[in-house]
Amino acid sequence: MAIRSTPSESPALLLLALDGELDVLNVGKLSDTVVDALEAGRRHLLVDLTGVTWCDVGSLYTLLGMRHAAIHAGGSLSLTAASDCVHEALDRVRLRGLLPFVERRGRPGDAR
């Protein structure tokens, strides 16, 4: 899995885009990236999952835990868009309402 981090004009915001498989073997890389961002003061994270080619449900629960950590740190973690396999996994475990989609830069998020 590859993670692209793009800082925004706001020092508190970080955009993350994932490519590849999001599963138990590599979700730790995303966790490390999120922890590093929060420790650096980037409290608001937007995550684009359109490049994800496989997503296991355990990774979604880990992502939910990352969202709770961001909220606890006074920030947020939201999704901007996702691939079909992510949408299917979200529906399978009924996490869609707990991992919200938001608009990014005036474009609608892929809330389906």
PDB file of N, CA and C in Angstrom:
ATOM      1  N   MET A   1       0.843  -1.171   0.000  1.00  0.00           N
ATOM      2  CA  MET A   1       0.000   0.000   0.000  1.00  0.00           C
ATOM      3  C   MET A   1       0.889   1.234   0.000  1.00  0.00           C
ATOM      4  N   ALA A   2       0.504   2.192  -0.806  1.00  0.00           N
ATOM      5  CA  ALA A   2       1.200   3.472  -0.852  1.00  0.00           C
ATOM      6  C   ALA A   2       0.299   4.539  -0.239  1.00  0.00           C
ATOM      7  N   ILE A   3       0.914   5.443   0.511  1.00  0.00           N
ATOM      8  CA  ILE A   3       0.179   6.550   1.125  1.00  0.00           C
ATOM      9  C   ILE A   3       0.823   7.847   0.661  1.00  0.00           C
ATOM     10  N   ARG A   4       0.019   8.696   0.031  1.00  0.00           N
ATOM     11  CA  ARG A   4       0.493  10.021  -0.368  1.00  0.00           C
ATOM     12  C   ARG A   4      -0.065  11.036   0.619  1.00  0.00           C
ATOM     13  N   SER A   5       0.825  11.813   1.219  1.00  0.00           N
ATOM     14  CA  SER A   5       0.430  12.868   2.158  1.00  0.00           C
ATOM     15  C   SER A   5       0.580  14.206   1.468  1.00  0.00           C
ATOM     16  N   THR A   6      -0.473  15.002   1.498  1.00  0.00           N
ATOM     17  CA  THR A   6      -0.435  16.320   0.884  1.00  0.00           C
ATOM     18  C   THR A   6      -0.852  17.357   1.916  1.00  0.00           C
ATOM     19  N   PRO A   7       0.110  18.157   2.405  1.00  0.00           N
ATOM     20  CA  PRO A   7      -0.252  19.223   3.343  1.00  0.00           C
ATOM     21  C   PRO A   7      -1.143  20.251   2.638  1.00  0.00           C
ATOM     22  N   SER A   8      -1.996  20.892   3.387  1.00  0.00           N
ATOM     23  CA  SER A   8      -2.861  21.924   2.816  1.00  0.00           C
ATOM     24  C   SER A   8      -2.364  23.287   3.277  1.00  0.00           C
ATOM     25  N   GLU A   9      -3.092  24.317   2.871  1.00  0.00           N
ATOM     26  CA  GLU A   9      -2.736  25.670   3.306  1.00  0.00           C
ATOM     27  C   GLU A   9      -2.904  25.822   4.809  1.00  0.00           C
ATOM     28  N   SER A  10      -3.824  25.082   5.375  1.00  0.00           N
ATOM     29  CA  SER A  10      -4.030  25.111   6.823  1.00  0.00           C
ATOM     30  C   SER A  10      -3.035  24.163   7.486  1.00  0.00           C
ATOM     31  N   PRO A  11      -2.276  24.642   8.467  1.00  0.00           N
ATOM     32  CA  PRO A  11      -1.300  23.762   9.118  1.00  0.00           C
ATOM     33  C   PRO A  11      -1.940  22.627   9.914  1.00  0.00           C
ATOM     34  N   ALA A  12      -3.235  22.709  10.175  1.00  0.00           N
ATOM     35  CA  ALA A  12      -3.907  21.669  10.958  1.00  0.00           C
ATOM     36  C   ALA A  12      -4.516  20.576  10.083  1.00  0.00           C
ATOM     37  N   LEU A  13      -4.467  20.740   8.747  1.00  0.00           N
ATOM     38  CA  LEU A  13      -5.136  19.814   7.832  1.00  0.00           C
ATOM     39  C   LEU A  13      -4.122  19.029   7.010  1.00  0.00           C
ATOM     40  N   LEU A  14      -4.373  17.733   6.869  1.00  0.00           N
ATOM     41  CA  LEU A  14      -3.535  16.878   6.028  1.00  0.00           C
ATOM     42  C   LEU A  14      -4.438  16.003   5.177  1.00  0.00           C
ATOM     43  N   LEU A  15      -4.126  15.942   3.888  1.00  0.00           N
ATOM     44  CA  LEU A  15      -4.851  15.090   2.959  1.00  0.00           C
ATOM     45  C   LEU A  15      -4.040  13.824   2.736  1.00  0.00           C
ATOM     46  N   LEU A  16      -4.670  12.668   2.884  1.00  0.00           N
ATOM     47  CA  LEU A  16      -4.013  11.382   2.674  1.00  0.00           C
ATOM     48  C   LEU A  16      -4.730  10.645   1.557  1.00  0.00           C
ATOM     49  N   ALA A  17      -3.971  10.086   0.616  1.00  0.00           N
ATOM     50  CA  ALA A  17      -4.543   9.277  -0.463  1.00  0.00           C
ATOM     51  C   ALA A  17      -3.871   7.914  -0.430  1.00  0.00           C
ATOM     52  N   LEU A  18      -4.668   6.867  -0.409  1.00  0.00           N
ATOM     53  CA  LEU A  18      -4.151   5.499  -0.322  1.00  0.00           C
ATOM     54  C   LEU A  18      -4.315   4.793  -1.657  1.00  0.00           C
ATOM     55  N   ASP A  19      -3.311   3.987  -2.003  1.00  0.00           N
ATOM     56  CA  ASP A  19      -3.342   3.156  -3.199  1.00  0.00           C
ATOM     57  C   ASP A  19      -2.918   1.752  -2.827  1.00  0.00           C
ATOM     58  N   GLY A  20      -3.637   0.762  -3.344  1.00  0.00           N
ATOM     59  CA  GLY A  20      -3.276  -0.632  -3.095  1.00  0.00           C
ATOM     60  C   GLY A  20      -4.203  -1.285  -2.097  1.00  0.00           C
ATOM     61  N   GLU A  21      -3.710  -2.336  -1.464  1.00  0.00           N
ATOM     62  CA  GLU A  21      -4.524  -3.128  -0.545  1.00  0.00           C
ATOM     63  C   GLU A  21      -4.475  -2.565   0.873  1.00  0.00           C
ATOM     64  N   LEU A  22      -5.648  -2.382   1.442  1.00  0.00           N
ATOM     65  CA  LEU A  22      -5.773  -1.934   2.833  1.00  0.00           C
ATOM     66  C   LEU A  22      -6.227  -3.142   3.637  1.00  0.00           C
ATOM     67  N   ASP A  23      -5.255  -3.800   4.264  1.00  0.00           N
ATOM     68  CA  ASP A  23      -5.571  -5.024   5.001  1.00  0.00           C
ATOM     69  C   ASP A  23      -4.687  -5.128   6.229  1.00  0.00           C
ATOM     70  N   VAL A  24      -4.836  -6.227   6.937  1.00  0.00           N
ATOM     71  CA  VAL A  24      -4.130  -6.435   8.206  1.00  0.00           C
ATOM     72  C   VAL A  24      -2.610  -6.366   8.032  1.00  0.00           C
ATOM     73  N   LEU A  25      -2.113  -6.679   6.850  1.00  0.00           N
ATOM     74  CA  LEU A  25      -0.666  -6.680   6.628  1.00  0.00           C
ATOM     75  C   LEU A  25      -0.078  -5.282   6.535  1.00  0.00           C
ATOM     76  N   ASN A  26      -0.891  -4.293   6.157  1.00  0.00           N
ATOM     77  CA  ASN A  26      -0.309  -2.966   5.974  1.00  0.00           C
ATOM     78  C   ASN A  26      -1.095  -1.821   6.603  1.00  0.00           C
ATOM     79  N   VAL A  27      -2.152  -2.108   7.356  1.00  0.00           N
ATOM     80  CA  VAL A  27      -2.893  -1.027   7.999  1.00  0.00           C
ATOM     81  C   VAL A  27      -2.033  -0.322   9.052  1.00  0.00           C
ATOM     82  N   GLY A  28      -1.016  -1.012   9.557  1.00  0.00           N
ATOM     83  CA  GLY A  28      -0.099  -0.386  10.509  1.00  0.00           C
ATOM     84  C   GLY A  28       0.619   0.815   9.924  1.00  0.00           C
ATOM     85  N   LYS A  29       0.912   0.753   8.626  1.00  0.00           N
ATOM     86  CA  LYS A  29       1.557   1.884   7.951  1.00  0.00           C
ATOM     87  C   LYS A  29       0.646   3.113   7.992  1.00  0.00           C
ATOM     88  N   LEU A  30      -0.647   2.893   7.776  1.00  0.00           N
ATOM     89  CA  LEU A  30      -1.599   3.999   7.866  1.00  0.00           C
ATOM     90  C   LEU A  30      -1.704   4.501   9.300  1.00  0.00           C
ATOM     91  N   SER A  31      -1.740   3.589  10.253  1.00  0.00           N
ATOM     92  CA  SER A  31      -1.797   3.985  11.670  1.00  0.00           C
ATOM     93  C   SER A  31      -0.604   4.851  12.037  1.00  0.00           C
ATOM     94  N   ASP A  32       0.588   4.446  11.614  1.00  0.00           N
ATOM     95  CA  ASP A  32       1.794   5.228  11.898  1.00  0.00           C
ATOM     96  C   ASP A  32       1.708   6.617  11.278  1.00  0.00           C
ATOM     97  N   THR A  33       1.209   6.695  10.048  1.00  0.00           N
ATOM     98  CA  THR A  33       1.073   7.981   9.366  1.00  0.00           C
ATOM     99  C   THR A  33       0.105   8.894  10.112  1.00  0.00           C
ATOM    100  N   VAL A  34      -1.018   8.335  10.560  1.00  0.00           N
ATOM    101  CA  VAL A  34      -2.016   9.124  11.294  1.00  0.00           C
ATOM    102  C   VAL A  34      -1.449   9.595  12.631  1.00  0.00           C
ATOM    103  N   VAL A  35      -0.784   8.716  13.361  1.00  0.00           N
ATOM    104  CA  VAL A  35      -0.190   9.101  14.651  1.00  0.00           C
ATOM    105  C   VAL A  35       0.848  10.199  14.450  1.00  0.00           C
ATOM    106  N   ASP A  36       1.714  10.044  13.447  1.00  0.00           N
ATOM    107  CA  ASP A  36       2.726  11.066  13.164  1.00  0.00           C
ATOM    108  C   ASP A  36       2.074  12.410  12.841  1.00  0.00           C
ATOM    109  N   ALA A  37       1.002  12.381  12.055  1.00  0.00           N
ATOM    110  CA  ALA A  37       0.310  13.621  11.689  1.00  0.00           C
ATOM    111  C   ALA A  37      -0.290  14.293  12.920  1.00  0.00           C
ATOM    112  N   LEU A  38      -0.946  13.507  13.764  1.00  0.00           N
ATOM    113  CA  LEU A  38      -1.548  14.075  14.977  1.00  0.00           C
ATOM    114  C   LEU A  38      -0.484  14.653  15.900  1.00  0.00           C
ATOM    115  N   GLU A  39       0.630  13.945  16.046  1.00  0.00           N
ATOM    116  CA  GLU A  39       1.719  14.447  16.897  1.00  0.00           C
ATOM    117  C   GLU A  39       2.340  15.715  16.337  1.00  0.00           C
ATOM    118  N   ALA A  40       2.295  15.887  15.012  1.00  0.00           N
ATOM    119  CA  ALA A  40       2.855  17.079  14.372  1.00  0.00           C
ATOM    120  C   ALA A  40       1.872  18.249  14.356  1.00  0.00           C
ATOM    121  N   GLY A  41       0.688  18.060  14.943  1.00  0.00           N
ATOM    122  CA  GLY A  41      -0.286  19.137  15.000  1.00  0.00           C
ATOM    123  C   GLY A  41      -1.283  19.146  13.863  1.00  0.00           C
ATOM    124  N   ARG A  42      -1.204  18.182  12.994  1.00  0.00           N
ATOM    125  CA  ARG A  42      -2.179  18.064  11.898  1.00  0.00           C
ATOM    126  C   ARG A  42      -3.382  17.307  12.451  1.00  0.00           C
ATOM    127  N   ARG A  43      -4.317  18.049  12.990  1.00  0.00           N
ATOM    128  CA  ARG A  43      -5.434  17.456  13.732  1.00  0.00           C
ATOM    129  C   ARG A  43      -6.607  17.032  12.854  1.00  0.00           C
ATOM    130  N   HIS A  44      -6.677  17.574  11.651  1.00  0.00           N
ATOM    131  CA  HIS A  44      -7.805  17.278  10.763  1.00  0.00           C
ATOM    132  C   HIS A  44      -7.283  16.529   9.538  1.00  0.00           C
ATOM    133  N   LEU A  45      -7.744  15.301   9.383  1.00  0.00           N
ATOM    134  CA  LEU A  45      -7.252  14.422   8.329  1.00  0.00           C
ATOM    135  C   LEU A  45      -8.382  14.072   7.374  1.00  0.00           C
ATOM    136  N   LEU A  46      -8.120  14.242   6.088  1.00  0.00           N
ATOM    137  CA  LEU A  46      -9.049  13.832   5.041  1.00  0.00           C
ATOM    138  C   LEU A  46      -8.405  12.673   4.301  1.00  0.00           C
ATOM    139  N   VAL A  47      -9.129  11.574   4.172  1.00  0.00           N
ATOM    140  CA  VAL A  47      -8.566  10.351   3.606  1.00  0.00           C
ATOM    141  C   VAL A  47      -9.322   9.977   2.333  1.00  0.00           C
ATOM    142  N   ASP A  48      -8.567   9.860   1.240  1.00  0.00           N
ATOM    143  CA  ASP A  48      -9.107   9.460  -0.059  1.00  0.00           C
ATOM    144  C   ASP A  48      -8.770   7.987  -0.273  1.00  0.00           C
ATOM    145  N   LEU A  49      -9.787   7.152  -0.385  1.00  0.00           N
ATOM    146  CA  LEU A  49      -9.597   5.707  -0.540  1.00  0.00           C
ATOM    147  C   LEU A  49      -9.953   5.227  -1.947  1.00  0.00           C
ATOM    148  N   THR A  50      -9.966   6.125  -2.932  1.00  0.00           N
ATOM    149  CA  THR A  50     -10.343   5.710  -4.288  1.00  0.00           C
ATOM    150  C   THR A  50      -9.327   4.768  -4.908  1.00  0.00           C
ATOM    151  N   GLY A  51      -8.085   4.812  -4.467  1.00  0.00           N
ATOM    152  CA  GLY A  51      -7.056   3.938  -5.017  1.00  0.00           C
ATOM    153  C   GLY A  51      -6.938   2.596  -4.320  1.00  0.00           C
ATOM    154  N   VAL A  52      -7.790   2.333  -3.345  1.00  0.00           N
ATOM    155  CA  VAL A  52      -7.734   1.071  -2.605  1.00  0.00           C
ATOM    156  C   VAL A  52      -8.339  -0.037  -3.463  1.00  0.00           C
ATOM    157  N   THR A  53      -7.566  -1.113  -3.650  1.00  0.00           N
ATOM    158  CA  THR A  53      -7.997  -2.230  -4.497  1.00  0.00           C
ATOM    159  C   THR A  53      -8.550  -3.401  -3.701  1.00  0.00           C
ATOM    160  N   TRP A  54      -8.291  -3.441  -2.402  1.00  0.00           N
ATOM    161  CA  TRP A  54      -8.812  -4.478  -1.512  1.00  0.00           C
ATOM    162  C   TRP A  54      -8.912  -3.871  -0.127  1.00  0.00           C
ATOM    163  N   CYS A  55      -9.983  -4.188   0.591  1.00  0.00           N
ATOM    164  CA  CYS A  55     -10.163  -3.642   1.937  1.00  0.00           C
ATOM    165  C   CYS A  55     -10.802  -4.705   2.811  1.00  0.00           C
ATOM    166  N   ASP A  56     -10.101  -5.108   3.868  1.00  0.00           N
ATOM    167  CA  ASP A  56     -10.713  -6.055   4.801  1.00  0.00           C
ATOM    168  C   ASP A  56     -11.433  -5.282   5.906  1.00  0.00           C
ATOM    169  N   VAL A  57     -12.372  -5.944   6.553  1.00  0.00           N
ATOM    170  CA  VAL A  57     -13.187  -5.243   7.549  1.00  0.00           C
ATOM    171  C   VAL A  57     -12.383  -4.856   8.785  1.00  0.00           C
ATOM    172  N   GLY A  58     -11.361  -5.626   9.111  1.00  0.00           N
ATOM    173  CA  GLY A  58     -10.520  -5.272  10.253  1.00  0.00           C
ATOM    174  C   GLY A  58      -9.853  -3.923  10.063  1.00  0.00           C
ATOM    175  N   SER A  59      -9.465  -3.627   8.829  1.00  0.00           N
ATOM    176  CA  SER A  59      -8.839  -2.334   8.546  1.00  0.00           C
ATOM    177  C   SER A  59      -9.828  -1.191   8.721  1.00  0.00           C
ATOM    178  N   LEU A  60     -11.090  -1.442   8.401  1.00  0.00           N
ATOM    179  CA  LEU A  60     -12.104  -0.403   8.621  1.00  0.00           C
ATOM    180  C   LEU A  60     -12.283  -0.116  10.103  1.00  0.00           C
ATOM    181  N   TYR A  61     -12.255  -1.166  10.917  1.00  0.00           N
ATOM    182  CA  TYR A  61     -12.355  -0.949  12.366  1.00  0.00           C
ATOM    183  C   TYR A  61     -11.119  -0.218  12.889  1.00  0.00           C
ATOM    184  N   THR A  62      -9.961  -0.509  12.321  1.00  0.00           N
ATOM    185  CA  THR A  62      -8.747   0.221  12.700  1.00  0.00           C
ATOM    186  C   THR A  62      -8.871   1.685  12.287  1.00  0.00           C
ATOM    187  N   LEU A  63      -9.407   1.927  11.099  1.00  0.00           N
ATOM    188  CA  LEU A  63      -9.635   3.294  10.636  1.00  0.00           C
ATOM    189  C   LEU A  63     -10.615   4.022  11.559  1.00  0.00           C
ATOM    190  N   LEU A  64     -11.621   3.315  12.020  1.00  0.00           N
ATOM    191  CA  LEU A  64     -12.564   3.895  12.980  1.00  0.00           C
ATOM    192  C   LEU A  64     -11.847   4.259  14.284  1.00  0.00           C
ATOM    193  N   GLY A  65     -10.937   3.404  14.734  1.00  0.00           N
ATOM    194  CA  GLY A  65     -10.141   3.715  15.921  1.00  0.00           C
ATOM    195  C   GLY A  65      -9.272   4.946  15.717  1.00  0.00           C
ATOM    196  N   MET A  66      -8.719   5.096  14.501  1.00  0.00           N
ATOM    197  CA  MET A  66      -7.924   6.283  14.181  1.00  0.00           C
ATOM    198  C   MET A  66      -8.804   7.529  14.218  1.00  0.00           C
ATOM    199  N   ARG A  67     -10.025   7.399  13.745  1.00  0.00           N
ATOM    200  CA  ARG A  67     -10.966   8.533  13.791  1.00  0.00           C
ATOM    201  C   ARG A  67     -11.224   8.940  15.240  1.00  0.00           C
ATOM    202  N   HIS A  68     -11.430   7.961  16.112  1.00  0.00           N
ATOM    203  CA  HIS A  68     -11.660   8.266  17.531  1.00  0.00           C
ATOM    204  C   HIS A  68     -10.427   8.921  18.154  1.00  0.00           C
ATOM    205  N   ALA A  69      -9.232   8.474  17.775  1.00  0.00           N
ATOM    206  CA  ALA A  69      -7.998   9.086  18.285  1.00  0.00           C
ATOM    207  C   ALA A  69      -7.897  10.541  17.839  1.00  0.00           C
ATOM    208  N   ALA A  70      -8.239  10.806  16.579  1.00  0.00           N
ATOM    209  CA  ALA A  70      -8.192  12.181  16.074  1.00  0.00           C
ATOM    210  C   ALA A  70      -9.194  13.060  16.818  1.00  0.00           C
ATOM    211  N   ILE A  71     -10.387  12.546  17.048  1.00  0.00           N
ATOM    212  CA  ILE A  71     -11.401  13.307  17.787  1.00  0.00           C
ATOM    213  C   ILE A  71     -10.927  13.568  19.214  1.00  0.00           C
ATOM    214  N   HIS A  72     -10.344  12.568  19.848  1.00  0.00           N
ATOM    215  CA  HIS A  72      -9.819  12.719  21.209  1.00  0.00           C
ATOM    216  C   HIS A  72      -8.718  13.785  21.265  1.00  0.00           C
ATOM    217  N   ALA A  73      -7.976  13.926  20.160  1.00  0.00           N
ATOM    218  CA  ALA A  73      -6.915  14.928  20.084  1.00  0.00           C
ATOM    219  C   ALA A  73      -7.449  16.297  19.671  1.00  0.00           C
ATOM    220  N   GLY A  74      -8.771  16.427  19.578  1.00  0.00           N
ATOM    221  CA  GLY A  74      -9.358  17.708  19.212  1.00  0.00           C
ATOM    222  C   GLY A  74      -9.470  17.915  17.717  1.00  0.00           C
ATOM    223  N   GLY A  75      -9.413  16.842  16.954  1.00  0.00           N
ATOM    224  CA  GLY A  75      -9.456  16.954  15.505  1.00  0.00           C
ATOM    225  C   GLY A  75     -10.543  16.108  14.884  1.00  0.00           C
ATOM    226  N   SER A  76     -10.255  15.635  13.676  1.00  0.00           N
ATOM    227  CA  SER A  76     -11.226  14.834  12.938  1.00  0.00           C
ATOM    228  C   SER A  76     -10.504  13.960  11.925  1.00  0.00           C
ATOM    229  N   LEU A  77     -11.167  12.912  11.515  1.00  0.00           N
ATOM    230  CA  LEU A  77     -10.710  12.071  10.410  1.00  0.00           C
ATOM    231  C   LEU A  77     -11.956  11.713   9.620  1.00  0.00           C
ATOM    232  N   SER A  78     -11.971  12.120   8.350  1.00  0.00           N
ATOM    233  CA  SER A  78     -13.119  11.871   7.485  1.00  0.00           C
ATOM    234  C   SER A  78     -12.639  11.345   6.147  1.00  0.00           C
ATOM    235  N   LEU A  79     -13.518  10.653   5.460  1.00  0.00           N
ATOM    236  CA  LEU A  79     -13.226  10.128   4.134  1.00  0.00           C
ATOM    237  C   LEU A  79     -13.731  11.118   3.092  1.00  0.00           C
ATOM    238  N   THR A  80     -12.981  11.258   1.997  1.00  0.00           N
ATOM    239  CA  THR A  80     -13.430  12.127   0.913  1.00  0.00           C
ATOM    240  C   THR A  80     -14.024  11.320  -0.224  1.00  0.00           C
ATOM    241  N   ALA A  81     -13.522  10.102  -0.429  1.00  0.00           N
ATOM    242  CA  ALA A  81     -13.992   9.242  -1.517  1.00  0.00           C
ATOM    243  C   ALA A  81     -13.460   7.841  -1.273  1.00  0.00           C
ATOM    244  N   ALA A  82     -14.067   6.860  -1.950  1.00  0.00           N
ATOM    245  CA  ALA A  82     -13.635   5.477  -1.759  1.00  0.00           C
ATOM    246  C   ALA A  82     -13.942   4.649  -2.998  1.00  0.00           C
ATOM    247  N   SER A  83     -13.172   3.598  -3.163  1.00  0.00           N
ATOM    248  CA  SER A  83     -13.392   2.659  -4.262  1.00  0.00           C
ATOM    249  C   SER A  83     -14.584   1.760  -3.945  1.00  0.00           C
ATOM    250  N   ASP A  84     -15.023   1.014  -4.943  1.00  0.00           N
ATOM    251  CA  ASP A  84     -16.163   0.112  -4.752  1.00  0.00           C
ATOM    252  C   ASP A  84     -15.916  -0.911  -3.653  1.00  0.00           C
ATOM    253  N   CYS A  85     -14.691  -1.459  -3.590  1.00  0.00           N
ATOM    254  CA  CYS A  85     -14.436  -2.490  -2.573  1.00  0.00           C
ATOM    255  C   CYS A  85     -14.528  -1.912  -1.159  1.00  0.00           C
ATOM    256  N   VAL A  86     -14.161  -0.656  -0.984  1.00  0.00           N
ATOM    257  CA  VAL A  86     -14.289  -0.013   0.333  1.00  0.00           C
ATOM    258  C   VAL A  86     -15.766   0.194   0.665  1.00  0.00           C
ATOM    259  N   HIS A  87     -16.536   0.664  -0.318  1.00  0.00           N
ATOM    260  CA  HIS A  87     -17.976   0.842  -0.094  1.00  0.00           C
ATOM    261  C   HIS A  87     -18.636  -0.485   0.276  1.00  0.00           C
ATOM    262  N   GLU A  88     -18.257  -1.551  -0.412  1.00  0.00           N
ATOM    263  CA  GLU A  88     -18.828  -2.872  -0.114  1.00  0.00           C
ATOM    264  C   GLU A  88     -18.489  -3.307   1.309  1.00  0.00           C
ATOM    265  N   ALA A  89     -17.241  -3.087   1.723  1.00  0.00           N
ATOM    266  CA  ALA A  89     -16.831  -3.456   3.086  1.00  0.00           C
ATOM    267  C   ALA A  89     -17.556  -2.598   4.121  1.00  0.00           C
ATOM    268  N   LEU A  90     -17.704  -1.304   3.852  1.00  0.00           N
ATOM    269  CA  LEU A  90     -18.439  -0.419   4.766  1.00  0.00           C
ATOM    270  C   LEU A  90     -19.885  -0.890   4.939  1.00  0.00           C
ATOM    271  N   ASP A  91     -20.497  -1.283   3.834  1.00  0.00           N
ATOM    272  CA  ASP A  91     -21.881  -1.762   3.900  1.00  0.00           C
ATOM    273  C   ASP A  91     -21.973  -3.101   4.630  1.00  0.00           C
ATOM    274  N   ARG A  92     -21.009  -3.965   4.394  1.00  0.00           N
ATOM    275  CA  ARG A  92     -21.024  -5.303   5.001  1.00  0.00           C
ATOM    276  C   ARG A  92     -21.006  -5.230   6.527  1.00  0.00           C
ATOM    277  N   VAL A  93     -20.233  -4.302   7.079  1.00  0.00           N
ATOM    278  CA  VAL A  93     -20.113  -4.202   8.543  1.00  0.00           C
ATOM    279  C   VAL A  93     -20.878  -3.005   9.120  1.00  0.00           C
ATOM    280  N   ARG A  94     -21.624  -2.335   8.252  1.00  0.00           N
ATOM    281  CA  ARG A  94     -22.489  -1.221   8.667  1.00  0.00           C
ATOM    282  C   ARG A  94     -21.730  -0.112   9.395  1.00  0.00           C
ATOM    283  N   LEU A  95     -20.595   0.275   8.818  1.00  0.00           N
ATOM    284  CA  LEU A  95     -19.799   1.359   9.407  1.00  0.00           C
ATOM    285  C   LEU A  95     -19.946   2.674   8.650  1.00  0.00           C
ATOM    286  N   ARG A  96     -20.748   2.685   7.604  1.00  0.00           N
ATOM    287  CA  ARG A  96     -20.849   3.889   6.770  1.00  0.00           C
ATOM    288  C   ARG A  96     -21.177   5.132   7.601  1.00  0.00           C
ATOM    289  N   GLY A  97     -22.079   5.040   8.542  1.00  0.00           N
ATOM    290  CA  GLY A  97     -22.444   6.200   9.352  1.00  0.00           C
ATOM    291  C   GLY A  97     -21.383   6.608  10.358  1.00  0.00           C
ATOM    292  N   LEU A  98     -20.482   5.689  10.695  1.00  0.00           N
ATOM    293  CA  LEU A  98     -19.437   5.988  11.679  1.00  0.00           C
ATOM    294  C   LEU A  98     -18.147   6.492  11.044  1.00  0.00           C
ATOM    295  N   LEU A  99     -17.987   6.266   9.754  1.00  0.00           N
ATOM    296  CA  LEU A  99     -16.841   6.788   9.001  1.00  0.00           C
ATOM    297  C   LEU A  99     -17.408   7.725   7.931  1.00  0.00           C
ATOM    298  N   PRO A 100     -17.608   8.984   8.277  1.00  0.00           N
ATOM    299  CA  PRO A 100     -18.326   9.899   7.390  1.00  0.00           C
ATOM    300  C   PRO A 100     -17.521  10.332   6.169  1.00  0.00           C
ATOM    301  N   PHE A 101     -18.254  10.626   5.122  1.00  0.00           N
ATOM    302  CA  PHE A 101     -17.686  11.224   3.919  1.00  0.00           C
ATOM    303  C   PHE A 101     -17.959  12.719   3.963  1.00  0.00           C
ATOM    304  N   VAL A 102     -16.983  13.499   3.524  1.00  0.00           N
ATOM    305  CA  VAL A 102     -17.129  14.953   3.468  1.00  0.00           C
ATOM    306  C   VAL A 102     -16.710  15.432   2.090  1.00  0.00           C
ATOM    307  N   GLU A 103     -17.110  16.655   1.774  1.00  0.00           N
ATOM    308  CA  GLU A 103     -16.683  17.251   0.517  1.00  0.00           C
ATOM    309  C   GLU A 103     -15.251  17.731   0.641  1.00  0.00           C
ATOM    310  N   ARG A 104     -14.552  17.662  -0.461  1.00  0.00           N
ATOM    311  CA  ARG A 104     -13.162  18.125  -0.493  1.00  0.00           C
ATOM    312  C   ARG A 104     -13.007  19.138  -1.609  1.00  0.00           C
ATOM    313  N   ARG A 105     -12.554  20.331  -1.267  1.00  0.00           N
ATOM    314  CA  ARG A 105     -12.276  21.396  -2.227  1.00  0.00           C
ATOM    315  C   ARG A 105     -13.439  21.653  -3.180  1.00  0.00           C
ATOM    316  N   GLY A 106     -14.630  21.679  -2.623  1.00  0.00           N
ATOM    317  CA  GLY A 106     -15.783  22.019  -3.428  1.00  0.00           C
ATOM    318  C   GLY A 106     -16.335  20.885  -4.269  1.00  0.00           C
ATOM    319  N   ARG A 107     -15.670  19.715  -4.253  1.00  0.00           N
ATOM    320  CA  ARG A 107     -16.182  18.572  -5.007  1.00  0.00           C
ATOM    321  C   ARG A 107     -16.896  17.646  -4.046  1.00  0.00           C
ATOM    322  N   PRO A 108     -18.004  17.086  -4.470  1.00  0.00           N
ATOM    323  CA  PRO A 108     -18.685  16.171  -3.560  1.00  0.00           C
ATOM    324  C   PRO A 108     -17.862  14.926  -3.308  1.00  0.00           C
ATOM    325  N   GLY A 109     -17.869  14.458  -2.069  1.00  0.00           N
ATOM    326  CA  GLY A 109     -17.239  13.186  -1.744  1.00  0.00           C
ATOM    327  C   GLY A 109     -18.082  12.055  -2.297  1.00  0.00           C
ATOM    328  N   ASP A 110     -17.493  10.922  -2.459  1.00  0.00           N
ATOM    329  CA  ASP A 110     -18.195   9.782  -3.035  1.00  0.00           C
ATOM    330  C   ASP A 110     -19.003   9.085  -1.952  1.00  0.00           C
ATOM    331  N   ALA A 111     -20.108   9.686  -1.560  1.00  0.00           N
ATOM    332  CA  ALA A 111     -20.911   9.140  -0.465  1.00  0.00           C
ATOM    333  C   ALA A 111     -21.855   8.035  -0.923  1.00  0.00           C
ATOM    334  N   ARG A 112     -22.021   7.888  -2.195  1.00  0.00           N
ATOM    335  CA  ARG A 112     -22.866   6.870  -2.822  1.00  0.00           C
ATOM    336  C   ARG A 112     -24.180   6.727  -2.166  1.00  0.00           C
TER     337      ARG A 112
END
